[in-house]
Amino acid sequence: MNKAMISRTCFIASLVSVAFSIATWTLVGDSDPAHAERFGIFVGLWAPTLMGMANHFKGD
C-alpha cells in the first residue's frame, strides 16, 4: 500500500468517524444519554488523529 492510498484511507476514515460520532450521540441517546454522549465524544476524537495521519502520509 503506497503512502497516497494510506493518506486517502485515513482521510475517509476521519470523515466516517465524525458521521459515526454524530449518529452514536443522537441514535443511542434515547436508551442511555450519558453513555451515548461520552461514546460519541470518544469516537469524535478519532477524527483529528486520523487527519494527522493523513497529513503525515501525504508527504508533500
PDB file of N, CA and C in Angstrom:
ATOM      1  N   MET A   1       0.853  -1.172   0.000  1.00  0.00           N
ATOM      2  CA  MET A   1       0.000   0.000   0.000  1.00  0.00           C
ATOM      3  C   MET A   1       0.902   1.239   0.000  1.00  0.00           C
ATOM      4  N   ASN A   2       0.715   2.109  -0.980  1.00  0.00           N
ATOM      5  CA  ASN A   2       1.573   3.286  -1.049  1.00  0.00           C
ATOM      6  C   ASN A   2       1.061   4.388  -0.123  1.00  0.00           C
ATOM      7  N   LYS A   3       1.881   5.413   0.062  1.00  0.00           N
ATOM      8  CA  LYS A   3       1.555   6.477   1.011  1.00  0.00           C
ATOM      9  C   LYS A   3       0.311   7.258   0.619  1.00  0.00           C
ATOM     10  N   ALA A   4       0.083   7.463  -0.667  1.00  0.00           N
ATOM     11  CA  ALA A   4      -1.104   8.205  -1.108  1.00  0.00           C
ATOM     12  C   ALA A   4      -2.375   7.442  -0.757  1.00  0.00           C
ATOM     13  N   MET A   5      -2.349   6.143  -0.899  1.00  0.00           N
ATOM     14  CA  MET A   5      -3.521   5.326  -0.564  1.00  0.00           C
ATOM     15  C   MET A   5      -3.776   5.334   0.946  1.00  0.00           C
ATOM     16  N   ILE A   6      -2.717   5.250   1.732  1.00  0.00           N
ATOM     17  CA  ILE A   6      -2.864   5.308   3.189  1.00  0.00           C
ATOM     18  C   ILE A   6      -3.418   6.662   3.603  1.00  0.00           C
ATOM     19  N   SER A   7      -2.912   7.727   3.000  1.00  0.00           N
ATOM     20  CA  SER A   7      -3.392   9.072   3.304  1.00  0.00           C
ATOM     21  C   SER A   7      -4.873   9.205   2.980  1.00  0.00           C
ATOM     22  N   ARG A   8      -5.274   8.741   1.830  1.00  0.00           N
ATOM     23  CA  ARG A   8      -6.680   8.815   1.413  1.00  0.00           C
ATOM     24  C   ARG A   8      -7.567   7.991   2.347  1.00  0.00           C
ATOM     25  N   THR A   9      -7.101   6.815   2.733  1.00  0.00           N
ATOM     26  CA  THR A   9      -7.861   5.954   3.635  1.00  0.00           C
ATOM     27  C   THR A   9      -8.043   6.609   5.000  1.00  0.00           C
ATOM     28  N   CYS A  10      -6.986   7.216   5.523  1.00  0.00           N
ATOM     29  CA  CYS A  10      -7.080   7.911   6.811  1.00  0.00           C
ATOM     30  C   CYS A  10      -8.029   9.098   6.730  1.00  0.00           C
ATOM     31  N   PHE A  11      -7.991   9.831   5.630  1.00  0.00           N
ATOM     32  CA  PHE A  11      -8.886  10.975   5.457  1.00  0.00           C
ATOM     33  C   PHE A  11     -10.344  10.527   5.428  1.00  0.00           C
ATOM     34  N   ILE A  12     -10.633   9.488   4.666  1.00  0.00           N
ATOM     35  CA  ILE A  12     -12.010   8.981   4.589  1.00  0.00           C
ATOM     36  C   ILE A  12     -12.447   8.432   5.947  1.00  0.00           C
ATOM     37  N   ALA A  13     -11.552   7.759   6.638  1.00  0.00           N
ATOM     38  CA  ALA A  13     -11.880   7.236   7.966  1.00  0.00           C
ATOM     39  C   ALA A  13     -12.183   8.363   8.947  1.00  0.00           C
ATOM     40  N   SER A  14     -11.498   9.497   8.814  1.00  0.00           N
ATOM     41  CA  SER A  14     -11.785  10.628   9.704  1.00  0.00           C
ATOM     42  C   SER A  14     -13.178  11.181   9.445  1.00  0.00           C
ATOM     43  N   LEU A  15     -13.587  11.255   8.194  1.00  0.00           N
ATOM     44  CA  LEU A  15     -14.942  11.717   7.882  1.00  0.00           C
ATOM     45  C   LEU A  15     -15.989  10.729   8.395  1.00  0.00           C
ATOM     46  N   VAL A  16     -15.710   9.453   8.249  1.00  0.00           N
ATOM     47  CA  VAL A  16     -16.634   8.430   8.741  1.00  0.00           C
ATOM     48  C   VAL A  16     -16.738   8.495  10.265  1.00  0.00           C
ATOM     49  N   SER A  17     -15.626   8.762  10.948  1.00  0.00           N
ATOM     50  CA  SER A  17     -15.670   8.825  12.409  1.00  0.00           C
ATOM     51  C   SER A  17     -16.524   9.991  12.895  1.00  0.00           C
ATOM     52  N   VAL A  18     -16.499  11.111  12.182  1.00  0.00           N
ATOM     53  CA  VAL A  18     -17.354  12.240  12.553  1.00  0.00           C
ATOM     54  C   VAL A  18     -18.822  11.865  12.367  1.00  0.00           C
ATOM     55  N   ALA A  19     -19.145  11.257  11.246  1.00  0.00           N
ATOM     56  CA  ALA A  19     -20.530  10.835  10.996  1.00  0.00           C
ATOM     57  C   ALA A  19     -20.974   9.789  12.022  1.00  0.00           C
ATOM     58  N   PHE A  20     -20.101   8.849  12.338  1.00  0.00           N
ATOM     59  CA  PHE A  20     -20.424   7.814  13.321  1.00  0.00           C
ATOM     60  C   PHE A  20     -20.603   8.414  14.710  1.00  0.00           C
ATOM     61  N   SER A  21     -19.801   9.422  15.037  1.00  0.00           N
ATOM     62  CA  SER A  21     -19.923  10.100  16.322  1.00  0.00           C
ATOM     63  C   SER A  21     -21.280  10.781  16.459  1.00  0.00           C
ATOM     64  N   ILE A  22     -21.684  11.494  15.430  1.00  0.00           N
ATOM     65  CA  ILE A  22     -22.980  12.177  15.456  1.00  0.00           C
ATOM     66  C   ILE A  22     -24.114  11.158  15.522  1.00  0.00           C
ATOM     67  N   ALA A  23     -24.001  10.093  14.744  1.00  0.00           N
ATOM     68  CA  ALA A  23     -25.038   9.057  14.751  1.00  0.00           C
ATOM     69  C   ALA A  23     -25.136   8.388  16.117  1.00  0.00           C
ATOM     70  N   THR A  24     -23.998   8.095  16.718  1.00  0.00           N
ATOM     71  CA  THR A  24     -23.997   7.469  18.038  1.00  0.00           C
ATOM     72  C   THR A  24     -24.644   8.380  19.065  1.00  0.00           C
ATOM     73  N   TRP A  25     -24.268   9.638  19.033  1.00  0.00           N
ATOM     74  CA  TRP A  25     -24.774  10.590  20.012  1.00  0.00           C
ATOM     75  C   TRP A  25     -26.293  10.735  19.897  1.00  0.00           C
ATOM     76  N   THR A  26     -26.809  10.768  18.685  1.00  0.00           N
ATOM     77  CA  THR A  26     -28.243  11.001  18.508  1.00  0.00           C
ATOM     78  C   THR A  26     -29.078   9.726  18.575  1.00  0.00           C
ATOM     79  N   LEU A  27     -28.584   8.626  18.036  1.00  0.00           N
ATOM     80  CA  LEU A  27     -29.398   7.414  17.967  1.00  0.00           C
ATOM     81  C   LEU A  27     -29.375   6.590  19.249  1.00  0.00           C
ATOM     82  N   VAL A  28     -28.253   6.564  19.943  1.00  0.00           N
ATOM     83  CA  VAL A  28     -28.145   5.771  21.163  1.00  0.00           C
ATOM     84  C   VAL A  28     -28.607   6.577  22.375  1.00  0.00           C
ATOM     85  N   GLY A  29     -28.740   7.871  22.216  1.00  0.00           N
ATOM     86  CA  GLY A  29     -29.077   8.749  23.333  1.00  0.00           C
ATOM     87  C   GLY A  29     -30.397   8.456  24.008  1.00  0.00           C
ATOM     88  N   ASP A  30     -31.320   7.800  23.334  1.00  0.00           N
ATOM     89  CA  ASP A  30     -32.624   7.532  23.933  1.00  0.00           C
ATOM     90  C   ASP A  30     -32.543   6.526  25.083  1.00  0.00           C
ATOM     91  N   SER A  31     -31.711   5.514  24.932  1.00  0.00           N
ATOM     92  CA  SER A  31     -31.640   4.476  25.958  1.00  0.00           C
ATOM     93  C   SER A  31     -30.758   4.884  27.145  1.00  0.00           C
ATOM     94  N   ASP A  32     -29.632   5.503  26.881  1.00  0.00           N
ATOM     95  CA  ASP A  32     -28.723   5.937  27.950  1.00  0.00           C
ATOM     96  C   ASP A  32     -27.994   7.194  27.491  1.00  0.00           C
ATOM     97  N   PRO A  33     -28.560   8.375  27.759  1.00  0.00           N
ATOM     98  CA  PRO A  33     -27.992   9.617  27.212  1.00  0.00           C
ATOM     99  C   PRO A  33     -26.550   9.894  27.645  1.00  0.00           C
ATOM    100  N   ALA A  34     -26.217   9.604  28.906  1.00  0.00           N
ATOM    101  CA  ALA A  34     -24.865   9.903  29.386  1.00  0.00           C
ATOM    102  C   ALA A  34     -23.826   9.042  28.668  1.00  0.00           C
ATOM    103  N   HIS A  35     -24.118   7.761  28.525  1.00  0.00           N
ATOM    104  CA  HIS A  35     -23.179   6.866  27.840  1.00  0.00           C
ATOM    105  C   HIS A  35     -23.055   7.242  26.361  1.00  0.00           C
ATOM    106  N   ALA A  36     -24.176   7.563  25.734  1.00  0.00           N
ATOM    107  CA  ALA A  36     -24.153   7.938  24.314  1.00  0.00           C
ATOM    108  C   ALA A  36     -23.325   9.197  24.103  1.00  0.00           C
ATOM    109  N   GLU A  37     -23.448  10.150  25.016  1.00  0.00           N
ATOM    110  CA  GLU A  37     -22.676  11.391  24.891  1.00  0.00           C
ATOM    111  C   GLU A  37     -21.185  11.118  25.020  1.00  0.00           C
ATOM    112  N   ARG A  38     -20.807  10.355  26.029  1.00  0.00           N
ATOM    113  CA  ARG A  38     -19.379  10.050  26.223  1.00  0.00           C
ATOM    114  C   ARG A  38     -18.806   9.247  25.058  1.00  0.00           C
ATOM    115  N   PHE A  39     -19.542   8.246  24.585  1.00  0.00           N
ATOM    116  CA  PHE A  39     -19.054   7.428  23.476  1.00  0.00           C
ATOM    117  C   PHE A  39     -18.990   8.237  22.187  1.00  0.00           C
ATOM    118  N   GLY A  40     -19.969   9.124  21.974  1.00  0.00           N
ATOM    119  CA  GLY A  40     -19.953   9.995  20.799  1.00  0.00           C
ATOM    120  C   GLY A  40     -18.739  10.912  20.795  1.00  0.00           C
ATOM    121  N   ILE A  41     -18.423  11.464  21.964  1.00  0.00           N
ATOM    122  CA  ILE A  41     -17.239  12.325  22.072  1.00  0.00           C
ATOM    123  C   ILE A  41     -15.968  11.507  21.851  1.00  0.00           C
ATOM    124  N   PHE A  42     -15.906  10.301  22.424  1.00  0.00           N
ATOM    125  CA  PHE A  42     -14.739   9.437  22.249  1.00  0.00           C
ATOM    126  C   PHE A  42     -14.489   9.135  20.771  1.00  0.00           C
ATOM    127  N   VAL A  43     -15.531   8.767  20.064  1.00  0.00           N
ATOM    128  CA  VAL A  43     -15.389   8.462  18.635  1.00  0.00           C
ATOM    129  C   VAL A  43     -15.042   9.729  17.860  1.00  0.00           C
ATOM    130  N   GLY A  44     -15.603  10.869  18.258  1.00  0.00           N
ATOM    131  CA  GLY A  44     -15.307  12.135  17.595  1.00  0.00           C
ATOM    132  C   GLY A  44     -13.846  12.544  17.726  1.00  0.00           C
ATOM    133  N   LEU A  45     -13.193  12.070  18.772  1.00  0.00           N
ATOM    134  CA  LEU A  45     -11.778  12.396  18.957  1.00  0.00           C
ATOM    135  C   LEU A  45     -10.864  11.618  18.019  1.00  0.00           C
ATOM    136  N   TRP A  46     -11.395  10.617  17.349  1.00  0.00           N
ATOM    137  CA  TRP A  46     -10.586   9.883  16.373  1.00  0.00           C
ATOM    138  C   TRP A  46     -10.265  10.744  15.155  1.00  0.00           C
ATOM    139  N   ALA A  47     -11.168  11.653  14.804  1.00  0.00           N
ATOM    140  CA  ALA A  47     -11.016  12.433  13.567  1.00  0.00           C
ATOM    141  C   ALA A  47      -9.705  13.223  13.513  1.00  0.00           C
ATOM    142  N   PRO A  48      -9.342  13.990  14.566  1.00  0.00           N
ATOM    143  CA  PRO A  48      -8.071  14.731  14.470  1.00  0.00           C
ATOM    144  C   PRO A  48      -6.856  13.817  14.327  1.00  0.00           C
ATOM    145  N   THR A  49      -6.887  12.679  15.007  1.00  0.00           N
ATOM    146  CA  THR A  49      -5.774  11.734  14.898  1.00  0.00           C
ATOM    147  C   THR A  49      -5.661  11.186  13.481  1.00  0.00           C
ATOM    148  N   LEU A  50      -6.795  10.799  12.916  1.00  0.00           N
ATOM    149  CA  LEU A  50      -6.789  10.267  11.553  1.00  0.00           C
ATOM    150  C   LEU A  50      -6.403  11.337  10.537  1.00  0.00           C
ATOM    151  N   MET A  51      -6.833  12.581  10.758  1.00  0.00           N
ATOM    152  CA  MET A  51      -6.434  13.679   9.859  1.00  0.00           C
ATOM    153  C   MET A  51      -4.925  13.912   9.944  1.00  0.00           C
ATOM    154  N   GLY A  52      -4.389  13.846  11.156  1.00  0.00           N
ATOM    155  CA  GLY A  52      -2.944  13.990  11.315  1.00  0.00           C
ATOM    156  C   GLY A  52      -2.179  12.888  10.606  1.00  0.00           C
ATOM    157  N   MET A  53      -2.687  11.673  10.698  1.00  0.00           N
ATOM    158  CA  MET A  53      -2.050  10.566   9.983  1.00  0.00           C
ATOM    159  C   MET A  53      -2.151  10.764   8.475  1.00  0.00           C
ATOM    160  N   ALA A  54      -3.299  11.266   8.006  1.00  0.00           N
ATOM    161  CA  ALA A  54      -3.461  11.525   6.569  1.00  0.00           C
ATOM    162  C   ALA A  54      -2.447  12.560   6.101  1.00  0.00           C
ATOM    163  N   ASN A  55      -2.265  13.621   6.890  1.00  0.00           N
ATOM    164  CA  ASN A  55      -1.281  14.646   6.524  1.00  0.00           C
ATOM    165  C   ASN A  55       0.141  14.097   6.566  1.00  0.00           C
ATOM    166  N   HIS A  56       0.422  13.236   7.527  1.00  0.00           N
ATOM    167  CA  HIS A  56       1.764  12.652   7.629  1.00  0.00           C
ATOM    168  C   HIS A  56       2.090  11.809   6.393  1.00  0.00           C
ATOM    169  N   PHE A  57       1.159  10.983   5.986  1.00  0.00           N
ATOM    170  CA  PHE A  57       1.407  10.103   4.849  1.00  0.00           C
ATOM    171  C   PHE A  57       1.275  10.816   3.508  1.00  0.00           C
ATOM    172  N   LYS A  58       0.627  11.981   3.515  1.00  0.00           N
ATOM    173  CA  LYS A  58       0.510  12.743   2.263  1.00  0.00           C
ATOM    174  C   LYS A  58       1.897  13.183   1.804  1.00  0.00           C
ATOM    175  N   GLY A  59       2.702  13.664   2.736  1.00  0.00           N
ATOM    176  CA  GLY A  59       4.101  13.967   2.484  1.00  0.00           C
ATOM    177  C   GLY A  59       4.399  14.863   1.301  1.00  0.00           C
ATOM    178  N   ASP A  60       3.805  16.039   1.275  1.00  0.00           N
ATOM    179  CA  ASP A  60       4.067  16.980   0.171  1.00  0.00           C
ATOM    180  C   ASP A  60       5.496  17.284   0.122  1.00  0.00           C
TER     181      ASP A  60
END
